[in-house]
Amino acid sequence: MQDTQADTPTLYEIMGGAERLRALVDRFYDLMQLESEFANIHVMHPVPNDSSRDKLFMFLSGWMGGPDLYIERYGHPRLRARHLPYAIGTKERDAWLRAMAWAMEDLGYDEALRVRLLTSFFETADWMRNKAD
């Protein structure tokens, strides 16, 4: 019996590896800085946001099946606990998802990959909500 899981490419590989992931994270943060519709989530990030960019890149690398950079450097992500200081509701969740969708569109991700990623991002982003709407 063959190990079919070893033959299945990871999201990290499908989306193009470290270079493409870095481009996605950078475009996402650029959009947050440039577009007023993302002001409500941009304000939650330090200025400059280099450390936020690096942490998201490292986290997504492992989350997508690539190198576990975040865990190697910081340990378990504890996403919800790390985001508790920020009021995150439906509007913030939706703004985050819209910025990520826009970044993927700008980078030319094919529709199937965008849908697959946004479905997974939605599950995590929805779980991050910590305030009533």
Protein backbone atom coordinates (compact mmCIF):
# COMPACT_ATOMS: atom_id res chain seq x y z
CA MET A 1 0.00 0.00 0.00
CA GLN A 2 1.42 3.37 -1.01
CA ASP A 3 1.42 6.44 1.18
CA THR A 4 -0.83 8.68 -0.89
CA GLN A 5 -0.52 11.52 1.61
CA ALA A 6 3.17 11.86 0.75
CA ASP A 7 2.20 12.24 -2.91
CA THR A 8 -0.43 14.92 -2.21
CA PRO A 9 1.00 18.43 -2.52
CA THR A 10 0.52 20.74 0.45
CA LEU A 11 -1.22 24.09 0.20
CA TYR A 12 2.23 25.61 0.67
CA GLU A 13 3.46 23.81 -2.45
CA ILE A 14 0.27 24.46 -4.42
CA MET A 15 0.40 28.19 -3.77
CA GLY A 16 4.07 28.42 -4.76
CA GLY A 17 6.16 28.15 -1.60
CA ALA A 18 7.92 30.79 0.46
CA GLU A 19 8.28 33.44 -2.23
CA ARG A 20 4.59 33.38 -3.17
CA LEU A 21 3.52 33.22 0.47
CA ARG A 22 5.69 36.26 1.31
CA ALA A 23 4.11 38.12 -1.63
CA LEU A 24 0.62 37.26 -0.34
CA VAL A 25 1.37 38.44 3.19
CA ASP A 26 2.99 41.64 1.93
CA ARG A 27 0.09 42.44 -0.41
CA PHE A 28 -2.38 41.73 2.41
CA TYR A 29 -0.63 44.19 4.74
CA ASP A 30 -0.15 46.74 1.95
CA LEU A 31 -3.90 46.68 1.30
CA MET A 32 -4.59 47.13 5.00
CA GLN A 33 -2.42 50.23 5.01
CA LEU A 34 -3.71 51.67 1.72
CA GLU A 35 -7.45 51.00 1.73
CA SER A 36 -9.75 52.85 4.12
CA GLU A 37 -12.17 49.91 4.28
CA PHE A 38 -9.52 48.06 6.30
CA ALA A 39 -8.84 50.85 8.82
CA ASN A 40 -10.70 48.94 11.55
CA ILE A 41 -8.19 46.07 11.39
CA HIS A 42 -5.14 48.10 10.44
CA VAL A 43 -5.36 49.98 13.72
CA MET A 44 -4.88 46.69 15.60
CA HIS A 45 -1.35 46.32 14.22
CA PRO A 46 1.85 48.06 15.33
CA VAL A 47 3.45 50.68 13.13
CA PRO A 48 5.62 49.74 11.40
CA ASN A 49 4.01 46.34 10.93
CA ASP A 50 7.14 44.39 9.93
CA SER A 51 6.85 42.04 12.93
CA SER A 52 3.18 41.35 12.12
CA ARG A 53 4.08 40.58 8.52
CA ASP A 54 6.83 38.21 9.60
CA LYS A 55 4.65 36.42 12.15
CA LEU A 56 1.79 35.93 9.68
CA PHE A 57 4.24 34.63 7.08
CA MET A 58 5.79 32.20 9.58
CA PHE A 59 2.40 31.05 10.87
CA LEU A 60 0.91 30.52 7.41
CA SER A 61 4.00 28.62 6.30
CA GLY A 62 3.33 25.88 8.84
CA TRP A 63 -0.46 26.14 8.60
CA MET A 64 -0.23 25.47 4.85
CA GLY A 65 2.04 22.45 5.28
CA GLY A 66 5.39 24.15 4.75
CA PRO A 67 8.14 24.71 7.31
CA ASP A 68 6.81 25.26 10.86
CA LEU A 69 8.67 28.56 11.21
CA TYR A 70 6.33 30.12 13.75
CA ILE A 71 6.33 27.14 16.10
CA GLU A 72 10.10 26.78 15.83
CA ARG A 73 10.56 30.40 16.89
CA TYR A 74 7.64 31.18 19.19
CA GLY A 75 6.10 27.85 20.19
CA HIS A 76 2.41 27.04 19.87
CA PRO A 77 0.56 29.88 18.12
CA ARG A 78 -2.28 30.13 20.69
CA LEU A 79 -4.10 32.23 18.11
CA ARG A 80 -7.23 32.98 20.08
CA ALA A 81 -5.32 33.88 23.26
CA ARG A 82 -2.94 36.16 21.33
CA HIS A 83 -5.87 37.98 19.74
CA LEU A 84 -7.98 38.40 22.90
CA PRO A 85 -6.66 41.94 23.58
CA TYR A 86 -8.28 43.05 20.29
CA ALA A 87 -12.03 43.45 19.86
CA ILE A 88 -12.81 41.15 16.94
CA GLY A 89 -16.38 40.86 15.73
CA THR A 90 -18.06 40.07 12.45
CA LYS A 91 -16.96 43.35 10.83
CA GLU A 92 -13.32 42.78 11.73
CA ARG A 93 -13.48 39.15 10.61
CA ASP A 94 -15.03 40.14 7.30
CA ALA A 95 -12.51 42.94 6.72
CA TRP A 96 -9.62 40.52 7.32
CA LEU A 97 -11.12 38.02 4.90
CA ARG A 98 -11.80 40.72 2.28
CA ALA A 99 -8.21 41.99 2.47
CA MET A 100 -6.90 38.44 2.06
CA ALA A 101 -9.28 37.75 -0.85
CA TRP A 102 -8.20 40.98 -2.54
CA ALA A 103 -4.52 40.12 -2.05
CA MET A 104 -5.05 36.70 -3.65
CA GLU A 105 -6.93 38.29 -6.55
CA ASP A 106 -4.14 40.82 -7.09
CA LEU A 107 -1.56 38.03 -7.15
CA GLY A 108 -3.54 36.01 -9.70
CA TYR A 109 -4.41 32.98 -7.59
CA ASP A 110 -6.75 30.73 -9.52
CA GLU A 111 -10.33 30.58 -8.32
CA ALA A 112 -10.16 27.05 -6.93
CA LEU A 113 -7.19 27.92 -4.73
CA ARG A 114 -8.78 31.20 -3.58
CA VAL A 115 -11.97 29.37 -2.59
CA ARG A 116 -10.04 26.62 -0.80
CA LEU A 117 -7.94 29.12 1.14
CA LEU A 118 -10.82 31.46 1.97
CA THR A 119 -12.90 28.56 3.25
CA SER A 120 -10.10 27.60 5.64
CA PHE A 121 -9.35 31.22 6.53
CA PHE A 122 -13.03 31.79 7.32
CA GLU A 123 -13.08 28.93 9.84
CA THR A 124 -10.09 30.36 11.68
CA ALA A 125 -11.16 34.00 11.41
CA ASP A 126 -14.65 33.18 12.64
CA TRP A 127 -13.19 31.34 15.63
CA MET A 128 -11.17 34.49 16.47
CA ARG A 129 -14.30 36.58 17.11
CA ASN A 130 -14.42 37.65 20.74
CA LYS A 131 -17.00 40.43 20.89
CA ALA A 132 -20.73 40.53 20.34
CA ASP A 133 -22.01 42.31 17.26
